[in-house]
């Protein structure tokens, strides 16, 4: 079994559904992968402090620093889905998409 399967099995349908939305909306950014540990950041709103999700895939364990009373919260689900999708694309971690910004000048 994979960590994705373990998290799926441990989450409710409502939490899984919300986690899928988080992963699809690119709210997960990978921070690091080393020594069997994957660290990801999940920011639900722009400009807010992200929650830190840590995955230990080989041990099928995970943690999140959010205040949720459940071990398998929406941040963990979103993070593991985004990480799995990144790996399917040949990446180590999910990346932030480039945001197009405009600068306008107004002369008075």
N, C-alpha and C. Protein backbone atom coordinates (compact mmCIF):
# COMPACT_ATOMS: atom_id res chain seq x y z
N UNK A 1 0.84 -1.17 0.00
CA UNK A 1 0.00 0.00 0.00
C UNK A 1 0.89 1.25 0.00
N UNK A 2 0.42 2.30 -0.62
CA UNK A 2 1.17 3.56 -0.67
C UNK A 2 0.64 4.53 0.38
N UNK A 3 1.38 5.61 0.61
CA UNK A 3 0.92 6.63 1.55
C UNK A 3 -0.37 7.27 1.05
N UNK A 4 -0.51 7.41 -0.26
CA UNK A 4 -1.75 7.95 -0.83
C UNK A 4 -2.94 7.06 -0.44
N UNK A 5 -2.77 5.76 -0.59
CA UNK A 5 -3.84 4.82 -0.22
C UNK A 5 -4.13 4.85 1.28
N UNK A 6 -3.08 4.96 2.09
CA UNK A 6 -3.26 4.99 3.54
C UNK A 6 -4.03 6.25 3.97
N UNK A 7 -3.69 7.38 3.37
CA UNK A 7 -4.38 8.63 3.70
C UNK A 7 -5.82 8.57 3.21
N UNK A 8 -6.04 8.02 2.02
CA UNK A 8 -7.40 7.88 1.49
C UNK A 8 -8.25 7.03 2.41
N UNK A 9 -7.68 5.93 2.88
CA UNK A 9 -8.39 5.02 3.77
C UNK A 9 -8.72 5.69 5.10
N UNK A 10 -7.86 6.59 5.57
CA UNK A 10 -8.02 7.22 6.87
C UNK A 10 -8.89 8.48 6.84
N UNK A 11 -9.22 8.97 5.66
CA UNK A 11 -9.98 10.23 5.58
C UNK A 11 -11.46 9.96 5.30
N UNK A 12 -12.28 10.90 5.74
CA UNK A 12 -13.71 10.82 5.42
C UNK A 12 -13.93 11.30 3.99
N UNK A 13 -15.10 11.04 3.46
CA UNK A 13 -15.42 11.47 2.09
C UNK A 13 -15.37 12.98 1.98
N UNK A 14 -15.85 13.69 2.99
CA UNK A 14 -15.85 15.16 2.95
C UNK A 14 -14.44 15.72 2.97
N UNK A 15 -13.58 15.16 3.81
CA UNK A 15 -12.19 15.63 3.88
C UNK A 15 -11.47 15.30 2.59
N UNK A 16 -11.67 14.12 2.05
CA UNK A 16 -11.03 13.75 0.78
C UNK A 16 -11.46 14.69 -0.34
N UNK A 17 -12.73 14.99 -0.41
CA UNK A 17 -13.25 15.88 -1.45
C UNK A 17 -12.64 17.27 -1.35
N UNK A 18 -12.55 17.80 -0.14
CA UNK A 18 -11.95 19.13 0.06
C UNK A 18 -10.46 19.09 -0.28
N UNK A 19 -9.78 18.01 0.06
CA UNK A 19 -8.36 17.86 -0.28
C UNK A 19 -8.13 17.84 -1.78
N UNK A 20 -9.03 17.18 -2.51
CA UNK A 20 -8.94 17.17 -3.98
C UNK A 20 -9.05 18.59 -4.52
N UNK A 21 -9.98 19.37 -3.97
CA UNK A 21 -10.13 20.78 -4.39
C UNK A 21 -8.85 21.57 -4.13
N UNK A 22 -8.23 21.34 -2.98
CA UNK A 22 -6.99 22.04 -2.64
C UNK A 22 -5.89 21.68 -3.63
N UNK A 23 -5.76 20.40 -3.94
CA UNK A 23 -4.72 19.97 -4.89
C UNK A 23 -4.97 20.54 -6.29
N UNK A 24 -6.22 20.55 -6.71
CA UNK A 24 -6.55 21.07 -8.05
C UNK A 24 -6.34 22.57 -8.17
N UNK A 25 -6.48 23.29 -7.07
CA UNK A 25 -6.37 24.75 -7.13
C UNK A 25 -4.94 25.24 -6.89
N UNK A 26 -3.98 24.34 -6.95
CA UNK A 26 -2.56 24.69 -6.84
C UNK A 26 -2.23 25.45 -5.56
N UNK A 27 -2.77 24.99 -4.44
CA UNK A 27 -2.50 25.63 -3.16
C UNK A 27 -1.40 24.91 -2.38
N UNK A 28 -0.78 23.92 -3.03
CA UNK A 28 0.28 23.14 -2.39
C UNK A 28 1.60 23.42 -3.08
N UNK A 29 2.60 23.78 -2.29
CA UNK A 29 3.94 24.04 -2.80
C UNK A 29 4.91 23.11 -2.08
N UNK A 30 5.74 22.43 -2.85
CA UNK A 30 6.73 21.55 -2.25
C UNK A 30 7.88 22.35 -1.68
N UNK A 31 8.35 21.92 -0.52
CA UNK A 31 9.48 22.60 0.11
C UNK A 31 10.75 21.77 0.03
N UNK A 32 10.68 20.50 0.44
CA UNK A 32 11.89 19.68 0.41
C UNK A 32 11.56 18.19 0.41
N UNK A 33 12.53 17.43 -0.10
CA UNK A 33 12.49 15.97 -0.04
C UNK A 33 13.88 15.52 0.37
N UNK A 34 13.98 14.85 1.51
CA UNK A 34 15.27 14.30 1.92
C UNK A 34 15.11 13.25 3.01
N UNK A 35 15.94 12.24 2.94
CA UNK A 35 15.96 11.16 3.92
C UNK A 35 14.58 10.59 4.24
N UNK A 36 13.80 10.34 3.21
CA UNK A 36 12.50 9.72 3.40
C UNK A 36 11.43 10.64 3.94
N UNK A 37 11.69 11.95 3.92
CA UNK A 37 10.73 12.92 4.43
C UNK A 37 10.39 13.93 3.33
N UNK A 38 9.10 14.18 3.15
CA UNK A 38 8.61 15.14 2.16
C UNK A 38 7.90 16.26 2.91
N UNK A 39 8.34 17.50 2.69
CA UNK A 39 7.73 18.65 3.37
C UNK A 39 7.05 19.52 2.33
N UNK A 40 5.78 19.84 2.58
CA UNK A 40 4.99 20.65 1.66
C UNK A 40 4.29 21.76 2.44
N UNK A 41 3.99 22.85 1.75
CA UNK A 41 3.26 23.97 2.35
C UNK A 41 1.90 24.08 1.68
N UNK A 42 0.86 24.28 2.49
CA UNK A 42 -0.50 24.41 1.97
C UNK A 42 -1.07 25.75 2.44
N UNK A 43 -1.26 26.68 1.51
CA UNK A 43 -1.83 27.99 1.82
C UNK A 43 -3.22 28.07 1.19
N UNK A 44 -4.24 28.12 2.01
CA UNK A 44 -5.60 28.13 1.50
C UNK A 44 -5.99 29.47 0.89
N UNK A 45 -5.44 30.55 1.43
CA UNK A 45 -5.73 31.89 0.91
C UNK A 45 -4.41 32.59 0.60
N UNK A 46 -4.35 33.35 -0.48
CA UNK A 46 -3.13 34.10 -0.76
C UNK A 46 -2.80 35.05 0.39
N UNK A 47 -1.54 35.14 0.73
CA UNK A 47 -1.11 36.04 1.77
C UNK A 47 -1.24 35.51 3.19
N UNK A 48 -1.75 34.29 3.35
CA UNK A 48 -1.86 33.71 4.69
C UNK A 48 -0.66 32.81 4.96
N UNK A 49 -0.41 32.55 6.22
CA UNK A 49 0.68 31.67 6.59
C UNK A 49 0.28 30.24 6.23
N UNK A 50 1.12 29.55 5.46
CA UNK A 50 0.75 28.19 5.05
C UNK A 50 0.92 27.19 6.20
N UNK A 51 0.15 26.13 6.12
CA UNK A 51 0.32 25.02 7.05
C UNK A 51 1.41 24.11 6.48
N UNK A 52 2.19 23.52 7.36
CA UNK A 52 3.27 22.62 6.96
C UNK A 52 2.79 21.18 7.10
N UNK A 53 2.85 20.46 5.98
CA UNK A 53 2.50 19.04 5.97
C UNK A 53 3.80 18.26 5.74
N UNK A 54 4.03 17.27 6.58
CA UNK A 54 5.20 16.41 6.44
C UNK A 54 4.72 14.99 6.19
N UNK A 55 5.28 14.38 5.15
CA UNK A 55 4.94 13.00 4.79
C UNK A 55 6.17 12.13 4.96
N UNK A 56 5.99 10.94 5.49
CA UNK A 56 7.01 9.92 5.54
C UNK A 56 6.48 8.73 4.75
N UNK A 57 6.66 8.74 3.43
CA UNK A 57 6.04 7.74 2.56
C UNK A 57 6.39 6.29 2.90
N UNK A 58 7.64 6.03 3.25
CA UNK A 58 8.04 4.65 3.52
C UNK A 58 7.35 4.09 4.77
N UNK A 59 7.09 4.97 5.73
CA UNK A 59 6.45 4.54 6.97
C UNK A 59 4.92 4.70 6.93
N UNK A 60 4.43 5.30 5.84
CA UNK A 60 3.00 5.62 5.70
C UNK A 60 2.51 6.43 6.91
N UNK A 61 3.26 7.48 7.22
CA UNK A 61 2.91 8.39 8.31
C UNK A 61 2.92 9.81 7.78
N UNK A 62 2.22 10.70 8.50
CA UNK A 62 2.11 12.08 8.07
C UNK A 62 1.76 12.96 9.27
N UNK A 63 1.99 14.26 9.09
CA UNK A 63 1.60 15.23 10.12
C UNK A 63 1.30 16.56 9.45
N UNK A 64 0.52 17.38 10.15
CA UNK A 64 0.20 18.73 9.70
C UNK A 64 0.18 19.62 10.94
N UNK A 65 0.68 20.85 10.80
CA UNK A 65 0.72 21.74 11.96
C UNK A 65 -0.55 22.59 12.11
N UNK A 66 -1.62 22.22 11.41
CA UNK A 66 -2.89 22.94 11.56
C UNK A 66 -3.56 22.53 12.87
N UNK A 67 -4.55 23.31 13.31
CA UNK A 67 -5.22 22.99 14.58
C UNK A 67 -6.31 21.91 14.49
N UNK A 68 -6.44 21.23 13.38
CA UNK A 68 -7.48 20.22 13.24
C UNK A 68 -7.27 19.09 14.26
N UNK A 69 -8.36 18.61 14.87
CA UNK A 69 -8.24 17.50 15.82
C UNK A 69 -8.00 16.16 15.12
N UNK A 70 -8.18 16.12 13.81
CA UNK A 70 -8.00 14.87 13.06
C UNK A 70 -6.58 14.79 12.52
N UNK A 71 -6.00 13.60 12.53
CA UNK A 71 -4.66 13.40 11.97
C UNK A 71 -4.67 13.58 10.46
N UNK A 72 -5.75 13.15 9.83
CA UNK A 72 -5.86 13.27 8.38
C UNK A 72 -6.79 14.44 8.07
N UNK A 73 -6.19 15.62 7.93
CA UNK A 73 -6.96 16.84 7.66
C UNK A 73 -6.97 17.14 6.16
N UNK A 74 -7.68 18.18 5.78
CA UNK A 74 -7.77 18.55 4.36
C UNK A 74 -6.41 18.94 3.79
N UNK A 75 -5.52 19.47 4.64
CA UNK A 75 -4.19 19.88 4.18
C UNK A 75 -3.34 18.66 3.83
N UNK A 76 -3.42 17.63 4.64
CA UNK A 76 -2.68 16.39 4.38
C UNK A 76 -3.18 15.76 3.08
N UNK A 77 -4.49 15.70 2.92
CA UNK A 77 -5.06 15.10 1.70
C UNK A 77 -4.63 15.89 0.47
N UNK A 78 -4.79 17.21 0.52
CA UNK A 78 -4.38 18.05 -0.61
C UNK A 78 -2.90 17.90 -0.93
N UNK A 79 -2.08 17.85 0.12
CA UNK A 79 -0.63 17.74 -0.07
C UNK A 79 -0.24 16.41 -0.71
N UNK A 80 -0.80 15.31 -0.22
CA UNK A 80 -0.41 14.00 -0.76
C UNK A 80 -0.89 13.84 -2.20
N UNK A 81 -2.06 14.39 -2.52
CA UNK A 81 -2.55 14.32 -3.90
C UNK A 81 -1.66 15.14 -4.83
N UNK A 82 -1.33 16.37 -4.40
CA UNK A 82 -0.47 17.23 -5.22
C UNK A 82 0.91 16.62 -5.39
N UNK A 83 1.45 16.02 -4.33
CA UNK A 83 2.76 15.38 -4.41
C UNK A 83 2.71 14.18 -5.36
N UNK A 84 1.65 13.40 -5.28
CA UNK A 84 1.50 12.25 -6.17
C UNK A 84 1.40 12.70 -7.64
N UNK A 85 0.64 13.76 -7.88
CA UNK A 85 0.50 14.28 -9.25
C UNK A 85 1.83 14.80 -9.78
N UNK A 86 2.60 15.46 -8.93
CA UNK A 86 3.92 15.96 -9.34
C UNK A 86 4.83 14.80 -9.72
N UNK A 87 4.82 13.76 -8.92
CA UNK A 87 5.66 12.59 -9.22
C UNK A 87 5.26 11.92 -10.52
N UNK A 88 3.96 11.88 -10.82
CA UNK A 88 3.50 11.32 -12.09
C UNK A 88 4.01 12.14 -13.28
N UNK A 89 4.27 13.43 -13.05
CA UNK A 89 4.81 14.32 -14.10
C UNK A 89 6.33 14.30 -14.13
N UNK A 90 6.96 13.49 -13.27
CA UNK A 90 8.40 13.39 -13.24
C UNK A 90 9.08 14.43 -12.36
N UNK A 91 8.34 15.09 -11.50
CA UNK A 91 8.89 16.10 -10.59
C UNK A 91 9.00 15.52 -9.18
N UNK A 92 9.93 16.06 -8.41
CA UNK A 92 10.07 15.63 -7.02
C UNK A 92 8.97 16.21 -6.13
N UNK A 93 8.61 17.48 -6.43
CA UNK A 93 7.65 18.21 -5.60
C UNK A 93 6.73 19.05 -6.48
N UNK A 94 5.53 19.36 -5.98
CA UNK A 94 4.67 20.30 -6.71
C UNK A 94 5.29 21.69 -6.68
N UNK A 95 5.15 22.41 -7.76
CA UNK A 95 5.72 23.75 -7.88
C UNK A 95 4.62 24.78 -8.00
N UNK A 96 4.97 25.99 -7.62
CA UNK A 96 4.02 27.10 -7.79
C UNK A 96 3.95 27.47 -9.25
N UNK A 97 2.76 27.76 -9.71
CA UNK A 97 2.62 28.23 -11.07
C UNK A 97 3.00 29.70 -11.13
N UNK A 98 3.59 30.09 -12.22
CA UNK A 98 3.96 31.50 -12.39
C UNK A 98 2.69 32.33 -12.48
N UNK A 99 2.70 33.41 -11.78
CA UNK A 99 1.55 34.30 -11.78
C UNK A 99 1.86 35.50 -12.67
N UNK A 100 1.00 35.72 -13.62
CA UNK A 100 1.19 36.88 -14.50
C UNK A 100 0.75 38.13 -13.76
N UNK A 101 1.59 39.11 -13.75
CA UNK A 101 1.27 40.36 -13.07
C UNK A 101 1.47 41.50 -14.05
N UNK A 102 0.70 42.55 -13.83
CA UNK A 102 0.82 43.72 -14.67
C UNK A 102 1.24 44.91 -13.81
N UNK A 103 2.03 45.72 -14.41
CA UNK A 103 2.41 46.97 -13.76
C UNK A 103 1.89 48.08 -14.63
N UNK A 104 1.18 48.99 -14.02
CA UNK A 104 0.64 50.12 -14.77
C UNK A 104 1.16 51.42 -14.21
N UNK A 105 1.38 52.37 -15.08
CA UNK A 105 1.85 53.69 -14.67
C UNK A 105 0.78 54.71 -15.04
N UNK A 106 0.55 55.61 -14.13
CA UNK A 106 -0.37 56.71 -14.40
C UNK A 106 0.37 58.02 -14.14
N UNK A 107 0.48 58.78 -15.17
CA UNK A 107 1.16 60.06 -15.06
C UNK A 107 0.11 61.16 -14.92
N UNK A 108 0.34 62.02 -13.96
CA UNK A 108 -0.60 63.12 -13.74
C UNK A 108 0.10 64.43 -14.05
